PDB file of N, CA and C in Angstrom:
ATOM      1  N   UNK A   1     -26.032 -29.850  30.613  1.00  0.00           N
ATOM      2  CA  UNK A   1     -25.707 -29.739  29.391  1.00  0.00           C
ATOM      3  C   UNK A   1     -24.704 -30.833  29.124  1.00  0.00           C
ATOM      4  N   UNK A   2     -24.756 -31.855  28.240  1.00  0.00           N
ATOM      5  CA  UNK A   2     -23.745 -32.619  27.651  1.00  0.00           C
ATOM      6  C   UNK A   2     -23.106 -31.775  26.770  1.00  0.00           C
ATOM      7  N   UNK A   3     -21.626 -32.129  26.897  1.00  0.00           N
ATOM      8  CA  UNK A   3     -20.631 -31.535  25.876  1.00  0.00           C
ATOM      9  C   UNK A   3     -20.249 -32.250  24.722  1.00  0.00           C
ATOM     10  N   UNK A   4     -20.216 -31.935  23.604  1.00  0.00           N
ATOM     11  CA  UNK A   4     -19.819 -32.797  22.553  1.00  0.00           C
ATOM     12  C   UNK A   4     -18.647 -32.646  21.760  1.00  0.00           C
ATOM     13  N   UNK A   5     -17.719 -33.747  21.527  1.00  0.00           N
ATOM     14  CA  UNK A   5     -16.609 -33.516  20.964  1.00  0.00           C
ATOM     15  C   UNK A   5     -16.707 -33.929  19.850  1.00  0.00           C
ATOM     16  N   UNK A   6     -16.088 -32.840  18.511  1.00  0.00           N
ATOM     17  CA  UNK A   6     -16.167 -33.614  17.358  1.00  0.00           C
ATOM     18  C   UNK A   6     -14.473 -33.546  17.100  1.00  0.00           C
ATOM     19  N   UNK A   7     -14.090 -34.621  16.278  1.00  0.00           N
ATOM     20  CA  UNK A   7     -12.515 -34.815  16.109  1.00  0.00           C
ATOM     21  C   UNK A   7     -12.470 -34.607  14.531  1.00  0.00           C
ATOM     22  N   UNK A   8     -11.785 -33.218  14.396  1.00  0.00           N
ATOM     23  CA  UNK A   8     -11.242 -33.161  13.059  1.00  0.00           C
ATOM     24  C   UNK A   8      -9.878 -33.492  12.519  1.00  0.00           C
ATOM     25  N   UNK A   9      -9.812 -34.363  11.346  1.00  0.00           N
ATOM     26  CA  UNK A   9      -8.432 -34.741  11.051  1.00  0.00           C
ATOM     27  C   UNK A   9      -8.121 -34.441   9.545  1.00  0.00           C
ATOM     28  N   UNK A  10      -7.160 -34.466   9.064  1.00  0.00           N
ATOM     29  CA  UNK A  10      -6.880 -34.572   7.578  1.00  0.00           C
ATOM     30  C   UNK A  10      -5.949 -35.598   6.944  1.00  0.00           C
ATOM     31  N   UNK A  11      -6.103 -36.092   6.037  1.00  0.00           N
ATOM     32  CA  UNK A  11      -5.431 -37.209   5.405  1.00  0.00           C
ATOM     33  C   UNK A  11      -3.973 -37.053   5.940  1.00  0.00           C
ATOM     34  N   UNK A  12      -3.267 -35.843   6.097  1.00  0.00           N
ATOM     35  CA  UNK A  12      -1.845 -35.706   6.382  1.00  0.00           C
ATOM     36  C   UNK A  12      -1.659 -36.326   7.853  1.00  0.00           C
ATOM     37  N   UNK A  13      -2.829 -35.714   8.813  1.00  0.00           N
ATOM     38  CA  UNK A  13      -2.862 -36.147  10.276  1.00  0.00           C
ATOM     39  C   UNK A  13      -3.075 -37.780  10.355  1.00  0.00           C
ATOM     40  N   UNK A  14      -3.691 -38.286   9.567  1.00  0.00           N
ATOM     41  CA  UNK A  14      -3.969 -39.640   9.771  1.00  0.00           C
ATOM     42  C   UNK A  14      -2.557 -40.623   9.229  1.00  0.00           C
ATOM     43  N   UNK A  15      -1.944 -39.915   8.452  1.00  0.00           N
ATOM     44  CA  UNK A  15      -0.732 -40.616   8.111  1.00  0.00           C
ATOM     45  C   UNK A  15       0.253 -40.250   9.239  1.00  0.00           C
ATOM     46  N   UNK A  16       0.308 -39.207   9.684  1.00  0.00           N
ATOM     47  CA  UNK A  16       1.292 -39.043  10.888  1.00  0.00           C
ATOM     48  C   UNK A  16       1.070 -39.659  12.198  1.00  0.00           C
ATOM     49  N   UNK A  17      -0.451 -40.067  12.604  1.00  0.00           N
ATOM     50  CA  UNK A  17      -0.658 -40.899  13.381  1.00  0.00           C
ATOM     51  C   UNK A  17      -0.345 -42.071  13.270  1.00  0.00           C
ATOM     52  N   UNK A  18      -0.399 -42.378  11.937  1.00  0.00           N
ATOM     53  CA  UNK A  18       0.186 -44.170  11.761  1.00  0.00           C
ATOM     54  C   UNK A  18       1.433 -44.179  11.953  1.00  0.00           C
ATOM     55  N   UNK A  19       2.309 -43.252  11.555  1.00  0.00           N
ATOM     56  CA  UNK A  19       3.799 -43.179  11.604  1.00  0.00           C
ATOM     57  C   UNK A  19       4.452 -43.210  13.216  1.00  0.00           C
ATOM     58  N   UNK A  20       3.702 -42.337  13.684  1.00  0.00           N
ATOM     59  CA  UNK A  20       4.232 -41.998  15.323  1.00  0.00           C
ATOM     60  C   UNK A  20       3.938 -42.964  15.990  1.00  0.00           C
ATOM     61  N   UNK A  21       2.486 -43.517  15.942  1.00  0.00           N
ATOM     62  CA  UNK A  21       2.336 -45.004  16.842  1.00  0.00           C
ATOM     63  C   UNK A  21       2.965 -46.002  16.387  1.00  0.00           C
ATOM     64  N   UNK A  22       3.564 -46.189  15.430  1.00  0.00           N
ATOM     65  CA  UNK A  22       4.516 -47.605  15.053  1.00  0.00           C
ATOM     66  C   UNK A  22       5.871 -47.333  15.463  1.00  0.00           C
ATOM     67  N   UNK A  23       6.342 -45.928  16.117  1.00  0.00           N
ATOM     68  CA  UNK A  23       7.743 -45.812  16.358  1.00  0.00           C
ATOM     69  C   UNK A  23       7.943 -46.950  17.827  1.00  0.00           C
ATOM     70  N   UNK A  24       9.038 -47.629  17.653  1.00  0.00           N
ATOM     71  CA  UNK A  24       9.540 -48.376  18.696  1.00  0.00           C
ATOM     72  C   UNK A  24       9.325 -47.937  19.986  1.00  0.00           C
ATOM     73  N   UNK A  25       9.498 -46.598  20.201  1.00  0.00           N
ATOM     74  CA  UNK A  25       9.281 -45.976  21.825  1.00  0.00           C
ATOM     75  C   UNK A  25       7.864 -45.966  22.138  1.00  0.00           C
ATOM     76  N   UNK A  26       7.148 -46.358  21.250  1.00  0.00           N
ATOM     77  CA  UNK A  26       5.623 -46.060  21.779  1.00  0.00           C
ATOM     78  C   UNK A  26       5.046 -47.598  21.598  1.00  0.00           C
ATOM     79  N   UNK A  27       5.847 -48.849  21.480  1.00  0.00           N
ATOM     80  CA  UNK A  27       5.214 -50.116  21.065  1.00  0.00           C
ATOM     81  C   UNK A  27       4.186 -50.691  22.409  1.00  0.00           C
ATOM     82  N   UNK A  28       4.839 -49.964  23.603  1.00  0.00           N
ATOM     83  CA  UNK A  28       3.843 -50.343  24.782  1.00  0.00           C
ATOM     84  C   UNK A  28       2.452 -49.774  25.107  1.00  0.00           C
ATOM     85  N   UNK A  29       2.747 -48.499  24.231  1.00  0.00           N
ATOM     86  CA  UNK A  29       1.392 -47.552  24.513  1.00  0.00           C
ATOM     87  C   UNK A  29       0.521 -48.197  23.208  1.00  0.00           C
ATOM     88  N   UNK A  30       1.027 -48.202  21.905  1.00  0.00           N
ATOM     89  CA  UNK A  30       0.218 -48.372  20.820  1.00  0.00           C
ATOM     90  C   UNK A  30       0.429 -49.760  20.339  1.00  0.00           C
ATOM     91  N   UNK A  31      -0.227 -50.987  21.039  1.00  0.00           N
ATOM     92  CA  UNK A  31      -0.056 -51.936  20.352  1.00  0.00           C
ATOM     93  C   UNK A  31      -0.775 -52.146  19.070  1.00  0.00           C
ATOM     94  N   UNK A  32      -0.822 -53.273  18.352  1.00  0.00           N
ATOM     95  CA  UNK A  32      -1.244 -53.331  16.877  1.00  0.00           C
ATOM     96  C   UNK A  32      -2.840 -53.118  17.257  1.00  0.00           C
ATOM     97  N   UNK A  33      -3.453 -53.789  18.214  1.00  0.00           N
ATOM     98  CA  UNK A  33      -4.677 -53.824  18.729  1.00  0.00           C
ATOM     99  C   UNK A  33      -5.338 -52.453  18.733  1.00  0.00           C
ATOM    100  N   UNK A  34      -4.645 -51.849  19.568  1.00  0.00           N
ATOM    101  CA  UNK A  34      -4.873 -50.291  19.902  1.00  0.00           C
ATOM    102  C   UNK A  34      -4.981 -49.661  18.722  1.00  0.00           C
ATOM    103  N   UNK A  35      -3.894 -49.631  17.653  1.00  0.00           N
ATOM    104  CA  UNK A  35      -3.916 -48.703  16.651  1.00  0.00           C
ATOM    105  C   UNK A  35      -5.072 -49.074  15.792  1.00  0.00           C
ATOM    106  N   UNK A  36      -5.378 -50.392  15.507  1.00  0.00           N
ATOM    107  CA  UNK A  36      -6.436 -50.708  14.679  1.00  0.00           C
ATOM    108  C   UNK A  36      -8.027 -50.316  15.243  1.00  0.00           C
ATOM    109  N   UNK A  37      -7.709 -49.971  16.742  1.00  0.00           N
ATOM    110  CA  UNK A  37      -9.280 -49.695  17.268  1.00  0.00           C
ATOM    111  C   UNK A  37      -8.986 -47.862  17.101  1.00  0.00           C
ATOM    112  N   UNK A  38      -7.993 -47.632  17.387  1.00  0.00           N
ATOM    113  CA  UNK A  38      -8.144 -45.989  17.088  1.00  0.00           C
ATOM    114  C   UNK A  38      -8.510 -45.526  15.727  1.00  0.00           C
ATOM    115  N   UNK A  39      -7.847 -46.477  14.892  1.00  0.00           N
ATOM    116  CA  UNK A  39      -8.358 -45.795  13.305  1.00  0.00           C
ATOM    117  C   UNK A  39      -9.728 -46.322  13.017  1.00  0.00           C
ATOM    118  N   UNK A  40     -10.358 -47.220  13.412  1.00  0.00           N
ATOM    119  CA  UNK A  40     -11.628 -47.495  13.346  1.00  0.00           C
ATOM    120  C   UNK A  40     -12.521 -46.551  13.858  1.00  0.00           C
ATOM    121  N   UNK A  41     -12.113 -46.177  15.082  1.00  0.00           N
ATOM    122  CA  UNK A  41     -12.778 -44.895  15.707  1.00  0.00           C
ATOM    123  C   UNK A  41     -12.869 -43.562  15.001  1.00  0.00           C
ATOM    124  N   UNK A  42     -11.608 -43.630  14.317  1.00  0.00           N
ATOM    125  CA  UNK A  42     -11.688 -42.340  13.635  1.00  0.00           C
ATOM    126  C   UNK A  42     -12.368 -42.581  12.179  1.00  0.00           C
ATOM    127  N   UNK A  43     -12.283 -43.478  11.788  1.00  0.00           N
ATOM    128  CA  UNK A  43     -13.077 -43.753  10.458  1.00  0.00           C
ATOM    129  C   UNK A  43     -14.538 -43.431  10.416  1.00  0.00           C
ATOM    130  N   UNK A  44     -14.955 -43.830  11.751  1.00  0.00           N
ATOM    131  CA  UNK A  44     -16.593 -43.742  12.240  1.00  0.00           C
ATOM    132  C   UNK A  44     -16.900 -42.112  12.389  1.00  0.00           C
ATOM    133  N   UNK A  45     -15.936 -41.755  13.166  1.00  0.00           N
ATOM    134  CA  UNK A  45     -16.763 -40.383  14.082  1.00  0.00           C
ATOM    135  C   UNK A  45     -15.566 -39.267  13.833  1.00  0.00           C
ATOM    136  N   UNK A  46     -14.441 -39.431  12.902  1.00  0.00           N
ATOM    137  CA  UNK A  46     -13.831 -38.399  12.492  1.00  0.00           C
ATOM    138  C   UNK A  46     -14.386 -37.466  11.486  1.00  0.00           C
ATOM    139  N   UNK A  47     -14.423 -35.950  11.468  1.00  0.00           N
ATOM    140  CA  UNK A  47     -14.707 -35.216  10.091  1.00  0.00           C
ATOM    141  C   UNK A  47     -13.235 -35.067   9.226  1.00  0.00           C
ATOM    142  N   UNK A  48     -13.191 -35.311   8.276  1.00  0.00           N
ATOM    143  CA  UNK A  48     -11.672 -35.423   7.414  1.00  0.00           C
ATOM    144  C   UNK A  48     -12.069 -34.237   6.398  1.00  0.00           C
ATOM    145  N   UNK A  49     -11.011 -33.151   6.778  1.00  0.00           N
ATOM    146  CA  UNK A  49     -10.916 -32.095   6.110  1.00  0.00           C
ATOM    147  C   UNK A  49      -9.542 -31.727   5.402  1.00  0.00           C
ATOM    148  N   UNK A  50      -9.838 -31.157   3.952  1.00  0.00           N
ATOM    149  CA  UNK A  50      -8.737 -30.624   3.355  1.00  0.00           C
ATOM    150  C   UNK A  50      -8.312 -29.411   3.384  1.00  0.00           C
ATOM    151  N   UNK A  51      -7.350 -28.979   4.333  1.00  0.00           N
ATOM    152  CA  UNK A  51      -7.211 -27.366   4.235  1.00  0.00           C
ATOM    153  C   UNK A  51      -6.958 -26.797   2.910  1.00  0.00           C
ATOM    154  N   UNK A  52      -7.787 -25.569   3.034  1.00  0.00           N
ATOM    155  CA  UNK A  52      -7.617 -24.645   1.709  1.00  0.00           C
ATOM    156  C   UNK A  52      -6.653 -23.757   1.904  1.00  0.00           C
ATOM    157  N   UNK A  53      -6.443 -23.103   3.561  1.00  0.00           N
ATOM    158  CA  UNK A  53      -5.475 -21.966   3.818  1.00  0.00           C
ATOM    159  C   UNK A  53      -4.317 -22.787   3.950  1.00  0.00           C
ATOM    160  N   UNK A  54      -2.899 -22.134   3.702  1.00  0.00           N
ATOM    161  CA  UNK A  54      -1.864 -22.493   4.566  1.00  0.00           C
ATOM    162  C   UNK A  54      -1.267 -21.796   5.220  1.00  0.00           C
ATOM    163  N   UNK A  55      -0.579 -21.935   6.075  1.00  0.00           N
ATOM    164  CA  UNK A  55      -0.205 -21.130   7.440  1.00  0.00           C
ATOM    165  C   UNK A  55       1.288 -21.292   7.495  1.00  0.00           C
ATOM    166  N   UNK A  56       2.086 -20.251   7.824  1.00  0.00           N
ATOM    167  CA  UNK A  56       3.449 -20.449   8.153  1.00  0.00           C
ATOM    168  C   UNK A  56       4.189 -19.641   9.556  1.00  0.00           C
ATOM    169  N   UNK A  57       3.287 -20.034  10.390  1.00  0.00           N
ATOM    170  CA  UNK A  57       3.488 -19.384  11.643  1.00  0.00           C
ATOM    171  C   UNK A  57       4.459 -20.396  12.902  1.00  0.00           C
ATOM    172  N   UNK A  58       4.436 -21.346  12.434  1.00  0.00           N
ATOM    173  CA  UNK A  58       4.567 -22.333  13.942  1.00  0.00           C
ATOM    174  C   UNK A  58       6.362 -22.265  13.549  1.00  0.00           C
ATOM    175  N   UNK A  59       6.990 -22.452  14.710  1.00  0.00           N
ATOM    176  CA  UNK A  59       8.579 -22.423  14.722  1.00  0.00           C
ATOM    177  C   UNK A  59       8.979 -23.674  14.389  1.00  0.00           C
ATOM    178  N   UNK A  60       8.472 -24.906  14.164  1.00  0.00           N
ATOM    179  CA  UNK A  60       8.806 -26.200  13.669  1.00  0.00           C
ATOM    180  C   UNK A  60       7.603 -25.945  12.754  1.00  0.00           C
ATOM    181  N   UNK A  61       7.973 -25.758  11.131  1.00  0.00           N
ATOM    182  CA  UNK A  61       7.568 -25.843  10.001  1.00  0.00           C
ATOM    183  C   UNK A  61       6.624 -27.134   9.847  1.00  0.00           C
ATOM    184  N   UNK A  62       6.887 -28.065  10.102  1.00  0.00           N
ATOM    185  CA  UNK A  62       6.203 -29.344   9.992  1.00  0.00           C
ATOM    186  C   UNK A  62       4.898 -29.527  10.700  1.00  0.00           C
ATOM    187  N   UNK A  63       4.857 -28.692  11.566  1.00  0.00           N
ATOM    188  CA  UNK A  63       3.398 -28.477  12.463  1.00  0.00           C
ATOM    189  C   UNK A  63       2.514 -27.543  12.066  1.00  0.00           C
ATOM    190  N   UNK A  64       2.931 -26.832  11.130  1.00  0.00           N
ATOM    191  CA  UNK A  64       1.662 -25.891  10.359  1.00  0.00           C
ATOM    192  C   UNK A  64       0.568 -26.485   9.864  1.00  0.00           C
ATOM    193  N   UNK A  65       0.450 -27.924   9.681  1.00  0.00           N
ATOM    194  CA  UNK A  65      -0.390 -28.321   8.660  1.00  0.00           C
ATOM    195  C   UNK A  65      -1.628 -28.773   9.919  1.00  0.00           C
ATOM    196  N   UNK A  66      -1.116 -28.800  11.181  1.00  0.00           N
ATOM    197  CA  UNK A  66      -2.202 -29.066  12.275  1.00  0.00           C
ATOM    198  C   UNK A  66      -2.891 -27.664  12.658  1.00  0.00           C
ATOM    199  N   UNK A  67      -2.032 -26.643  12.257  1.00  0.00           N
ATOM    200  CA  UNK A  67      -2.854 -25.325  12.522  1.00  0.00           C
ATOM    201  C   UNK A  67      -4.118 -25.152  11.281  1.00  0.00           C
ATOM    202  N   UNK A  68      -3.542 -25.460   9.901  1.00  0.00           N
ATOM    203  CA  UNK A  68      -4.253 -25.499   8.890  1.00  0.00           C
ATOM    204  C   UNK A  68      -5.664 -26.145   9.135  1.00  0.00           C
ATOM    205  N   UNK A  69      -5.498 -27.592   9.672  1.00  0.00           N
ATOM    206  CA  UNK A  69      -6.633 -28.461   9.787  1.00  0.00           C
ATOM    207  C   UNK A  69      -7.593 -27.769  10.965  1.00  0.00           C
ATOM    208  N   UNK A  70      -6.937 -26.977  12.101  1.00  0.00           N
ATOM    209  CA  UNK A  70      -7.543 -26.438  13.100  1.00  0.00           C
ATOM    210  C   UNK A  70      -8.607 -25.341  12.236  1.00  0.00           C
ATOM    211  N   UNK A  71      -7.641 -24.581  11.535  1.00  0.00           N
ATOM    212  CA  UNK A  71      -8.800 -23.444  10.743  1.00  0.00           C
ATOM    213  C   UNK A  71      -9.822 -23.829   9.742  1.00  0.00           C
ATOM    214  N   UNK A  72      -9.435 -25.162   9.030  1.00  0.00           N
ATOM    215  CA  UNK A  72     -10.707 -25.382   8.151  1.00  0.00           C
ATOM    216  C   UNK A  72     -11.444 -26.110   8.768  1.00  0.00           C
ATOM    217  N   UNK A  73     -11.246 -26.819  10.035  1.00  0.00           N
ATOM    218  CA  UNK A  73     -12.325 -27.588  10.558  1.00  0.00           C
ATOM    219  C   UNK A  73     -13.017 -26.419  11.832  1.00  0.00           C
ATOM    220  N   UNK A  74     -12.591 -25.249  11.894  1.00  0.00           N
ATOM    221  CA  UNK A  74     -13.096 -24.254  12.905  1.00  0.00           C
ATOM    222  C   UNK A  74     -13.267 -25.134  14.201  1.00  0.00           C
ATOM    223  N   UNK A  75     -12.010 -25.423  14.499  1.00  0.00           N
ATOM    224  CA  UNK A  75     -11.748 -26.206  15.835  1.00  0.00           C
ATOM    225  C   UNK A  75     -11.802 -25.275  16.955  1.00  0.00           C
ATOM    226  N   UNK A  76     -12.464 -25.810  17.870  1.00  0.00           N
ATOM    227  CA  UNK A  76     -12.428 -25.055  19.323  1.00  0.00           C
ATOM    228  C   UNK A  76     -11.000 -25.378  20.032  1.00  0.00           C
ATOM    229  N   UNK A  77     -10.520 -26.533  19.743  1.00  0.00           N
ATOM    230  CA  UNK A  77      -9.336 -26.782  20.515  1.00  0.00           C
ATOM    231  C   UNK A  77      -8.233 -27.610  19.636  1.00  0.00           C
ATOM    232  N   UNK A  78      -7.114 -27.514  19.648  1.00  0.00           N
ATOM    233  CA  UNK A  78      -5.925 -28.188  19.397  1.00  0.00           C
ATOM    234  C   UNK A  78      -5.394 -28.623  20.413  1.00  0.00           C
ATOM    235  N   UNK A  79      -5.477 -29.992  20.310  1.00  0.00           N
ATOM    236  CA  UNK A  79      -4.851 -30.703  21.585  1.00  0.00           C
ATOM    237  C   UNK A  79      -3.368 -31.307  21.526  1.00  0.00           C
ATOM    238  N   UNK A  80      -2.409 -30.987  22.105  1.00  0.00           N
ATOM    239  CA  UNK A  80      -1.345 -31.213  21.786  1.00  0.00           C
ATOM    240  C   UNK A  80      -0.356 -31.111  23.210  1.00  0.00           C
ATOM    241  N   UNK A  81       0.667 -31.868  23.134  1.00  0.00           N
ATOM    242  CA  UNK A  81       1.728 -31.828  24.015  1.00  0.00           C
ATOM    243  C   UNK A  81       3.103 -30.823  23.537  1.00  0.00           C
ATOM    244  N   UNK A  82       2.993 -30.652  22.001  1.00  0.00           N
ATOM    245  CA  UNK A  82       3.979 -29.921  21.451  1.00  0.00           C
ATOM    246  C   UNK A  82       3.873 -28.369  21.898  1.00  0.00           C
ATOM    247  N   UNK A  83       5.532 -27.966  22.567  1.00  0.00           N
ATOM    248  CA  UNK A  83       5.580 -26.610  22.899  1.00  0.00           C
ATOM    249  C   UNK A  83       5.663 -25.811  21.562  1.00  0.00           C
ATOM    250  N   UNK A  84       5.885 -26.326  20.617  1.00  0.00           N
ATOM    251  CA  UNK A  84       6.212 -25.344  19.292  1.00  0.00           C
ATOM    252  C   UNK A  84       4.569 -24.874  18.920  1.00  0.00           C
ATOM    253  N   UNK A  85       3.680 -25.757  19.186  1.00  0.00           N
ATOM    254  CA  UNK A  85       2.155 -25.420  18.878  1.00  0.00           C
ATOM    255  C   UNK A  85       1.404 -24.459  20.156  1.00  0.00           C
ATOM    256  N   UNK A  86       1.902 -25.221  21.412  1.00  0.00           N
ATOM    257  CA  UNK A  86       1.429 -24.420  22.428  1.00  0.00           C
ATOM    258  C   UNK A  86       1.472 -23.038  22.891  1.00  0.00           C
ATOM    259  N   UNK A  87       2.885 -22.777  22.485  1.00  0.00           N
ATOM    260  CA  UNK A  87       3.241 -21.438  22.590  1.00  0.00           C
ATOM    261  C   UNK A  87       2.225 -20.358  21.936  1.00  0.00           C
ATOM    262  N   UNK A  88       1.730 -20.909  20.532  1.00  0.00           N
ATOM    263  CA  UNK A  88       0.828 -20.134  19.893  1.00  0.00           C
ATOM    264  C   UNK A  88      -0.632 -19.607  20.214  1.00  0.00           C
ATOM    265  N   UNK A  89      -0.955 -20.499  21.202  1.00  0.00           N
ATOM    266  CA  UNK A  89      -2.454 -20.219  22.094  1.00  0.00           C
ATOM    267  C   UNK A  89      -2.662 -18.707  22.316  1.00  0.00           C
ATOM    268  N   UNK A  90      -3.737 -18.364  21.758  1.00  0.00           N
ATOM    269  CA  UNK A  90      -4.832 -18.937  21.066  1.00  0.00           C
ATOM    270  C   UNK A  90      -4.255 -18.717  19.544  1.00  0.00           C
ATOM    271  N   UNK A  91      -4.724 -19.418  18.519  1.00  0.00           N
ATOM    272  CA  UNK A  91      -4.548 -19.518  17.075  1.00  0.00           C
ATOM    273  C   UNK A  91      -5.831 -19.092  16.413  1.00  0.00           C
ATOM    274  N   UNK A  92      -5.969 -17.984  15.871  1.00  0.00           N
ATOM    275  CA  UNK A  92      -7.494 -17.663  15.610  1.00  0.00           C
ATOM    276  C   UNK A  92      -8.537 -17.838  16.634  1.00  0.00           C
ATOM    277  N   UNK A  93      -9.349 -18.604  16.257  1.00  0.00           N
ATOM    278  CA  UNK A  93     -10.370 -18.790  17.031  1.00  0.00           C
ATOM    279  C   UNK A  93     -10.230 -20.505  18.056  1.00  0.00           C
ATOM    280  N   UNK A  94      -9.184 -20.682  18.044  1.00  0.00           N
ATOM    281  CA  UNK A  94      -8.702 -22.280  18.325  1.00  0.00           C
ATOM    282  C   UNK A  94      -7.911 -22.041  19.590  1.00  0.00           C
ATOM    283  N   UNK A  95      -8.171 -22.388  20.707  1.00  0.00           N
ATOM    284  CA  UNK A  95      -7.345 -22.738  21.741  1.00  0.00           C
ATOM    285  C   UNK A  95      -6.477 -24.222  21.711  1.00  0.00           C
ATOM    286  N   UNK A  96      -5.114 -23.808  22.238  1.00  0.00           N
ATOM    287  CA  UNK A  96      -4.517 -24.816  21.812  1.00  0.00           C
ATOM    288  C   UNK A  96      -4.015 -25.091  23.374  1.00  0.00           C
ATOM    289  N   UNK A  97      -4.385 -26.766  23.747  1.00  0.00           N
ATOM    290  CA  UNK A  97      -4.137 -26.917  25.153  1.00  0.00           C
ATOM    291  C   UNK A  97      -3.512 -28.344  25.226  1.00  0.00           C
ATOM    292  N   UNK A  98      -2.805 -28.656  26.263  1.00  0.00           N
ATOM    293  CA  UNK A  98      -2.361 -29.958  26.580  1.00  0.00           C
ATOM    294  C   UNK A  98      -3.515 -30.894  27.125  1.00  0.00           C
ATOM    295  N   UNK A  99      -3.084 -32.234  26.306  1.00  0.00           N
ATOM    296  CA  UNK A  99      -4.244 -33.499  26.887  1.00  0.00           C
ATOM    297  C   UNK A  99      -4.716 -33.316  28.028  1.00  0.00           C
ATOM    298  N   UNK A 100      -4.243 -33.016  29.381  1.00  0.00           N
ATOM    299  CA  UNK A 100      -4.500 -33.244  30.610  1.00  0.00           C
ATOM    300  C   UNK A 100      -5.439 -31.892  30.743  1.00  0.00           C
ATOM    301  N   UNK A 101      -5.044 -30.618  30.278  1.00  0.00           N
ATOM    302  CA  UNK A 101      -6.064 -29.328  30.571  1.00  0.00           C
ATOM    303  C   UNK A 101      -7.446 -29.808  29.800  1.00  0.00           C
ATOM    304  N   UNK A 102      -7.389 -30.392  28.205  1.00  0.00           N
ATOM    305  CA  UNK A 102      -8.577 -30.653  27.619  1.00  0.00           C
ATOM    306  C   UNK A 102      -9.153 -31.656  28.419  1.00  0.00           C
ATOM    307  N   UNK A 103      -8.831 -32.377  29.160  1.00  0.00           N
ATOM    308  CA  UNK A 103      -9.377 -33.542  29.949  1.00  0.00           C
ATOM    309  C   UNK A 103     -10.291 -32.474  30.917  1.00  0.00           C
ATOM    310  N   UNK A 104      -9.780 -31.720  31.427  1.00  0.00           N
ATOM    311  CA  UNK A 104     -10.113 -31.201  32.483  1.00  0.00           C
ATOM    312  C   UNK A 104     -11.612 -30.268  32.450  1.00  0.00           C
ATOM    313  N   UNK A 105     -11.196 -30.002  31.318  1.00  0.00           N
ATOM    314  CA  UNK A 105     -12.693 -29.127  30.369  1.00  0.00           C
ATOM    315  C   UNK A 105     -13.683 -29.956  30.290  1.00  0.00           C
ATOM    316  N   UNK A 106     -13.580 -31.134  30.039  1.00  0.00           N
ATOM    317  CA  UNK A 106     -14.634 -32.033  29.714  1.00  0.00           C
ATOM    318  C   UNK A 106     -15.038 -32.812  30.809  1.00  0.00           C
ATOM    319  N   UNK A 107     -14.814 -32.513  31.989  1.00  0.00           N
ATOM    320  CA  UNK A 107     -14.929 -33.329  33.171  1.00  0.00           C
ATOM    321  C   UNK A 107     -16.271 -32.743  33.933  1.00  0.00           C
TER     322      UNK A 107
END
């Protein structure tokens, strides 16, 4: 049986992706072409939600919005390398995993 991935984002997440991907330290990873391709894919396939619930559980308060998106989108997984989020696994019905672990789930 094929596994299906649905990507859930918010406007705030899209802004953060844009800001982070344009940082000088990522210029070799996120070329202008790759950023454009990423946003094209997100525009075509991502589900954009506007979280209705606020949470305040992450030790880095700036990351709470990611948990809000996971709740609103009823996400099975939140994929991150951020230890401030990883320590919260699981969060409600959402597993919080590193990218390499998520990749292993879908192989």
